[in-house]
């Protein structure tokens, strides 16, 4: 087994410390405080900050990240991760801005309602509302979109797949393509889903998934609903998915379910690209200064969004 780089080791130590400290006193408030620093080891070293514009997407609070040279008819909707009960646009600000800058597209990032104060399906409903709004509204006001992509990380990746299923089951327009960054595709509790072998994941484990799912779906912690576990969706829905990119680290907890979800889409002839990154930790994309592969992964997302199928 090849060793991780010193920068990778520093990132892993940072993540492990935050998770360990948060779960010493696993209250929602304590975990939320720790999560605010998940993607921040040091002050940013590169790149001028990209400003944002507050917006209400049909009642859902969000922000437009708008590069100066953006094509406003080609848009990205971003759902942040955090176990459905953590984080915000602010915790993901640098990552979202970098995606907007590299893609040269406006990105709408939303603060969907969080569990447990707003349990399933409230957050998903906000995501669906924002998606429907985005097709007809850009950063400069009402304007039809030529292309809409949805990108999300971790539980935001789960919401990206779920909002696609929601659109398909309700006769609404689905995204033109989606990119899932280390997504939760099957959070159903163990022993339904055994822990993958060969892991070295400082951020995720069975107990973390159980904790988050219990707060996200207090009335149905089994997670059997396809809008909670997209991997359980019926084949006739999966075959209608848009082109999909799935990125995941080779030794992170969510690896196997990402592979299974890619296979489920492949089996239905959906154009899907599974990208497994050696030794990368959960949502390494945050660590733009520490990990060169963070920028490489963002470029892969942008290239996927710009590729014709």
Protein backbone atom coordinates (compact mmCIF):
# COMPACT_ATOMS: atom_id res chain seq x y z
CA UNK A 1 0.00 0.00 0.00
CA UNK A 2 1.55 3.28 -1.09
CA UNK A 3 1.77 6.00 1.59
CA UNK A 4 -0.25 9.17 1.34
CA UNK A 5 1.53 12.46 0.70
CA UNK A 6 2.37 14.79 3.62
CA UNK A 7 -0.36 17.22 2.50
CA UNK A 8 -2.87 14.38 2.23
CA UNK A 9 -1.86 13.18 5.69
CA UNK A 10 -2.39 16.70 7.07
CA UNK A 11 -5.85 16.86 5.52
CA UNK A 12 -6.77 13.46 6.96
CA UNK A 13 -5.52 14.46 10.40
CA UNK A 14 -7.54 17.67 10.23
CA UNK A 15 -10.71 15.78 9.28
CA UNK A 16 -10.20 13.05 11.89
CA UNK A 17 -9.64 15.63 14.64
CA UNK A 18 -12.80 17.55 13.79
CA UNK A 19 -14.95 14.42 13.67
CA UNK A 20 -13.45 13.06 16.90
CA UNK A 21 -14.01 16.32 18.75
CA UNK A 22 -17.55 16.67 17.45
CA UNK A 23 -18.58 13.18 18.55
CA UNK A 24 -17.13 13.57 22.06
CA UNK A 25 -20.32 15.50 22.76
CA UNK A 26 -22.58 14.55 19.86
CA UNK A 27 -25.14 17.31 20.13
CA UNK A 28 -26.36 18.99 16.97
CA UNK A 29 -24.90 22.33 18.08
CA UNK A 30 -21.47 20.84 18.82
CA UNK A 31 -21.24 18.99 15.53
CA UNK A 32 -22.38 22.05 13.60
CA UNK A 33 -19.67 24.18 15.21
CA UNK A 34 -16.99 21.67 14.24
CA UNK A 35 -18.29 21.27 10.71
CA UNK A 36 -17.83 24.97 10.03
CA UNK A 37 -14.09 24.33 9.77
CA UNK A 38 -14.22 21.05 7.82
CA UNK A 39 -12.69 22.44 4.64
CA UNK A 40 -10.44 25.01 6.26
CA UNK A 41 -6.91 24.16 7.34
CA UNK A 42 -5.39 27.56 6.59
CA UNK A 43 -6.26 30.83 4.94
CA UNK A 44 -6.62 30.56 1.14
CA UNK A 45 -3.32 31.13 -0.67
CA UNK A 46 -4.42 31.33 -4.27
CA UNK A 47 -7.13 33.02 -6.26
CA UNK A 48 -9.10 36.21 -5.67
CA UNK A 49 -12.45 35.64 -3.98
CA UNK A 50 -15.45 35.47 -6.27
CA UNK A 51 -18.30 37.63 -5.07
CA UNK A 52 -21.85 36.36 -4.72
CA UNK A 53 -25.31 37.83 -5.09
CA UNK A 54 -28.09 36.93 -2.60
CA UNK A 55 -31.25 35.64 -4.24
CA UNK A 56 -34.60 34.11 -3.39
CA UNK A 57 -35.30 31.14 -5.66
CA UNK A 58 -39.07 31.08 -5.35
CA UNK A 59 -38.72 31.46 -1.58
CA UNK A 60 -35.56 29.35 -1.14
CA UNK A 61 -32.58 31.39 0.08
CA UNK A 62 -29.50 31.15 -2.08
CA UNK A 63 -26.56 32.94 -3.65
CA UNK A 64 -25.42 33.39 -7.23
CA UNK A 65 -21.70 32.92 -7.84
CA UNK A 66 -21.13 34.81 -11.07
CA UNK A 67 -17.85 34.83 -13.04
CA UNK A 68 -17.41 37.91 -15.19
CA UNK A 69 -17.24 35.88 -18.41
CA UNK A 70 -20.14 33.52 -17.63
CA UNK A 71 -22.74 32.36 -20.12
CA UNK A 72 -25.90 33.04 -18.12
CA UNK A 73 -27.96 30.51 -20.11
CA UNK A 74 -25.74 27.62 -18.92
CA UNK A 75 -26.24 27.23 -15.18
CA UNK A 76 -25.17 25.06 -12.28
CA UNK A 77 -27.22 24.37 -9.16
CA UNK A 78 -25.11 23.33 -6.16
CA UNK A 79 -26.25 21.40 -3.07
CA UNK A 80 -23.79 21.43 -0.16
CA UNK A 81 -23.08 18.35 1.93
CA UNK A 82 -23.20 17.85 5.68
CA UNK A 83 -25.37 14.88 6.54
CA UNK A 84 -28.57 16.81 5.77
CA UNK A 85 -28.19 18.67 9.08
CA UNK A 86 -24.89 20.56 8.79
CA UNK A 87 -23.24 23.31 6.79
CA UNK A 88 -24.41 26.04 4.49
CA UNK A 89 -23.45 27.94 1.39
CA UNK A 90 -20.87 29.73 3.55
CA UNK A 91 -19.01 26.55 4.57
CA UNK A 92 -18.71 25.59 0.88
CA UNK A 93 -18.12 29.09 -0.46
CA UNK A 94 -14.59 28.57 -1.77
CA UNK A 95 -15.38 25.26 -3.46
CA UNK A 96 -18.51 26.65 -5.11
CA UNK A 97 -16.68 29.77 -6.29
CA UNK A 98 -13.89 27.65 -7.78
CA UNK A 99 -16.38 25.53 -9.72
CA UNK A 100 -18.02 28.70 -11.05
CA UNK A 101 -14.67 30.22 -12.00
CA UNK A 102 -13.36 27.15 -13.83
CA UNK A 103 -16.70 26.36 -15.49
CA UNK A 104 -17.34 29.99 -16.45
CA UNK A 105 -20.96 29.38 -15.54
CA UNK A 106 -23.14 31.06 -12.92
CA UNK A 107 -23.67 28.76 -9.95
CA UNK A 108 -26.72 28.99 -7.72
CA UNK A 109 -26.00 27.55 -4.27
CA UNK A 110 -28.92 27.25 -1.86
CA UNK A 111 -29.37 27.00 1.88
CA UNK A 112 -31.99 24.27 1.92
CA UNK A 113 -33.71 23.60 5.23
CA UNK A 114 -31.72 21.37 7.57
CA UNK A 115 -32.72 18.45 9.78
CA UNK A 116 -33.63 17.78 12.53
CA UNK A 117 -35.54 21.07 12.70
CA UNK A 118 -36.78 20.36 9.17
CA UNK A 119 -36.66 16.62 8.60
CA UNK A 120 -37.15 14.81 5.28
CA UNK A 121 -38.61 15.80 2.86
CA UNK A 122 -38.30 19.53 3.66
CA UNK A 123 -34.72 19.96 2.43
CA UNK A 124 -35.45 17.97 -0.71
CA UNK A 125 -38.53 20.10 -1.38
CA UNK A 126 -36.32 23.21 -1.29
CA UNK A 127 -33.93 21.61 -3.76
CA UNK A 128 -36.81 20.75 -6.11
CA UNK A 129 -38.18 24.29 -5.87
CA UNK A 130 -34.78 25.80 -6.67
CA UNK A 131 -34.29 23.48 -9.65
CA UNK A 132 -37.67 24.36 -11.15
CA UNK A 133 -36.96 28.07 -10.64
CA UNK A 134 -33.49 27.86 -12.17
CA UNK A 135 -34.75 26.71 -15.57
CA UNK A 136 -36.49 30.07 -16.06
CA UNK A 137 -34.34 32.45 -14.01
CA UNK A 138 -30.71 33.46 -14.23
CA UNK A 139 -28.49 35.84 -12.28
CA UNK A 140 -29.81 38.79 -14.29
CA UNK A 141 -33.49 37.94 -13.88
CA UNK A 142 -36.00 35.91 -15.87
CA UNK A 143 -34.21 34.09 -18.70
CA UNK A 144 -34.65 30.60 -20.12
CA UNK A 145 -31.77 28.20 -19.55
CA UNK A 146 -30.16 26.26 -22.39
CA UNK A 147 -28.39 23.88 -20.03
CA UNK A 148 -28.80 23.17 -16.31
CA UNK A 149 -26.45 20.92 -14.37
CA UNK A 150 -26.78 19.96 -10.71
CA UNK A 151 -23.70 19.27 -8.59
CA UNK A 152 -23.64 18.15 -4.96
CA UNK A 153 -21.22 16.65 -2.44
CA UNK A 154 -21.85 13.89 0.11
CA UNK A 155 -25.45 14.33 1.33
CA UNK A 156 -25.69 17.09 -1.28
CA UNK A 157 -24.83 14.41 -3.82
CA UNK A 158 -27.66 12.37 -2.36
CA UNK A 159 -29.98 15.35 -2.81
CA UNK A 160 -28.76 15.76 -6.40
CA UNK A 161 -29.78 12.20 -7.25
CA UNK A 162 -32.98 12.52 -5.21
CA UNK A 163 -34.05 15.78 -6.87
CA UNK A 164 -33.54 14.09 -10.24
CA UNK A 165 -35.79 11.22 -9.15
CA UNK A 166 -38.28 13.73 -7.78
CA UNK A 167 -38.43 15.54 -11.14
CA UNK A 168 -38.83 12.30 -13.08
CA UNK A 169 -41.62 10.98 -10.85
CA UNK A 170 -43.53 14.29 -10.90
CA UNK A 171 -43.38 14.97 -14.63
CA UNK A 172 -41.00 17.89 -14.25
CA UNK A 173 -37.92 18.77 -16.25
CA UNK A 174 -34.86 16.93 -14.94
CA UNK A 175 -31.31 18.35 -15.00
CA UNK A 176 -29.42 18.05 -18.27
CA UNK A 177 -26.59 16.32 -16.39
CA UNK A 178 -25.51 15.78 -12.81
CA UNK A 179 -22.20 15.45 -10.97
CA UNK A 180 -22.11 13.58 -7.66
CA UNK A 181 -19.11 14.27 -5.42
CA UNK A 182 -18.63 11.42 -2.91
CA UNK A 183 -22.42 10.95 -2.76
CA UNK A 184 -24.49 9.06 -0.23
CA UNK A 185 -26.50 6.80 -2.53
CA UNK A 186 -27.59 4.19 0.02
CA UNK A 187 -27.67 5.32 3.67
CA UNK A 188 -29.72 2.36 4.86
CA UNK A 189 -28.57 1.21 8.24
CA UNK A 190 -26.23 -1.71 8.93
CA UNK A 191 -26.40 -4.67 8.89
CA UNK A 192 -28.35 -3.97 5.68
CA UNK A 193 -25.17 -2.41 4.32
CA UNK A 194 -21.90 -3.91 5.63
CA UNK A 195 -18.94 -1.60 6.04
CA UNK A 196 -16.64 -1.77 3.00
CA UNK A 197 -13.26 -3.45 3.33
CA UNK A 198 -9.91 -1.71 3.06
CA UNK A 199 -11.08 1.67 4.31
CA UNK A 200 -9.01 4.55 5.59
CA UNK A 201 -11.70 7.19 6.03
CA UNK A 202 -11.22 9.89 8.69
CA UNK A 203 -14.67 11.42 8.16
CA UNK A 204 -17.25 8.68 7.58
CA UNK A 205 -18.22 5.42 9.27
CA UNK A 206 -21.34 3.36 9.95
CA UNK A 207 -22.08 5.18 13.19
CA UNK A 208 -21.87 8.56 11.46
CA UNK A 209 -24.34 7.47 8.78
CA UNK A 210 -26.72 6.02 11.39
CA UNK A 211 -26.56 9.26 13.41
CA UNK A 212 -27.26 11.48 10.41
CA UNK A 213 -30.02 9.27 8.97
CA UNK A 214 -31.81 9.14 12.33
CA UNK A 215 -32.01 12.94 12.35
CA UNK A 216 -32.84 13.28 8.66
CA UNK A 217 -35.62 10.67 8.66
CA UNK A 218 -36.83 10.35 12.28
CA UNK A 219 -40.13 8.79 11.16
CA UNK A 220 -38.48 6.20 8.91
CA UNK A 221 -34.83 5.58 9.87
CA UNK A 222 -34.70 2.52 7.59
CA UNK A 223 -34.06 4.81 4.62
CA UNK A 224 -35.95 2.54 2.22
CA UNK A 225 -37.50 5.44 0.29
CA UNK A 226 -35.67 5.92 -3.07
CA UNK A 227 -35.67 9.67 -2.39
CA UNK A 228 -33.48 8.84 0.62
CA UNK A 229 -31.60 5.87 -0.88
CA UNK A 230 -31.40 6.53 -4.66
CA UNK A 231 -29.69 3.18 -5.16
CA UNK A 232 -33.04 1.55 -4.36
CA UNK A 233 -34.87 3.39 -7.18
CA UNK A 234 -36.74 1.33 -9.74
CA UNK A 235 -34.91 0.56 -13.01
CA UNK A 236 -37.54 2.41 -15.09
CA UNK A 237 -36.63 5.61 -13.24
CA UNK A 238 -32.88 5.07 -13.29
CA UNK A 239 -32.89 4.55 -17.06
CA UNK A 240 -34.26 8.09 -17.47
CA UNK A 241 -31.36 9.66 -15.59
CA UNK A 242 -29.29 12.30 -17.39
CA UNK A 243 -25.55 11.77 -18.02
CA UNK A 244 -23.95 11.35 -14.61
CA UNK A 245 -20.47 11.79 -13.14
CA UNK A 246 -19.64 10.10 -9.83
CA UNK A 247 -16.39 10.94 -8.03
CA UNK A 248 -15.22 9.12 -4.91
CA UNK A 249 -12.00 8.32 -3.04
CA UNK A 250 -10.58 4.82 -3.33
CA UNK A 251 -10.58 4.09 0.38
CA UNK A 252 -13.49 6.13 1.71
CA UNK A 253 -16.59 4.74 3.35
CA UNK A 254 -18.94 5.62 0.49
CA UNK A 255 -16.81 4.01 -2.22
CA UNK A 256 -18.72 0.76 -2.70
CA UNK A 257 -22.17 2.31 -2.81
CA UNK A 258 -20.90 4.80 -5.40
CA UNK A 259 -19.66 1.90 -7.51
CA UNK A 260 -23.01 0.14 -7.09
CA UNK A 261 -24.95 3.23 -8.12
CA UNK A 262 -22.77 3.66 -11.19
CA UNK A 263 -23.40 0.02 -12.07
CA UNK A 264 -27.15 0.47 -11.62
CA UNK A 265 -27.08 3.36 -14.09
CA UNK A 266 -24.82 1.45 -16.50
CA UNK A 267 -27.29 -1.43 -16.45
CA UNK A 268 -29.96 0.96 -17.69
CA UNK A 269 -27.72 2.37 -20.47
CA UNK A 270 -27.31 5.76 -18.79
CA UNK A 271 -24.10 7.56 -19.82
CA UNK A 272 -22.23 7.47 -16.50
CA UNK A 273 -18.61 8.13 -15.65
CA UNK A 274 -17.30 6.65 -12.40
CA UNK A 275 -14.10 8.34 -11.25
CA UNK A 276 -12.32 6.69 -8.31
CA UNK A 277 -9.43 8.79 -6.98
CA UNK A 278 -6.60 6.91 -5.23
CA UNK A 279 -6.10 7.76 -1.56
CA UNK A 280 -8.34 10.82 -1.62
CA UNK A 281 -10.42 11.51 1.53
CA UNK A 282 -14.09 12.38 1.61
CA UNK A 283 -14.83 15.51 -0.50
CA UNK A 284 -11.15 16.35 -0.93
CA UNK A 285 -12.30 19.07 -3.34
CA UNK A 286 -12.45 21.48 -0.39
CA UNK A 287 -8.67 21.44 0.06
CA UNK A 288 -7.69 23.45 -3.00
CA UNK A 289 -4.40 24.73 -1.51
CA UNK A 290 -3.31 21.48 0.13
CA UNK A 291 -4.20 18.90 -2.52
CA UNK A 292 -3.42 19.34 -6.23
CA UNK A 293 -6.03 16.66 -6.94
CA UNK A 294 -8.72 19.00 -5.60
CA UNK A 295 -8.23 21.31 -8.57
CA UNK A 296 -7.90 18.32 -10.89
CA UNK A 297 -11.21 16.91 -9.65
CA UNK A 298 -12.93 20.26 -10.18
CA UNK A 299 -11.55 20.39 -13.71
CA UNK A 300 -12.91 16.88 -14.32
CA UNK A 301 -16.37 18.05 -13.23
CA UNK A 302 -16.22 21.03 -15.58
CA UNK A 303 -14.99 18.92 -18.51
CA UNK A 304 -17.84 16.49 -17.89
CA UNK A 305 -20.39 19.30 -17.88
CA UNK A 306 -19.02 20.58 -21.20
CA UNK A 307 -18.90 17.19 -22.91
CA UNK A 308 -21.52 16.28 -25.48
CA UNK A 309 -22.99 12.78 -25.18
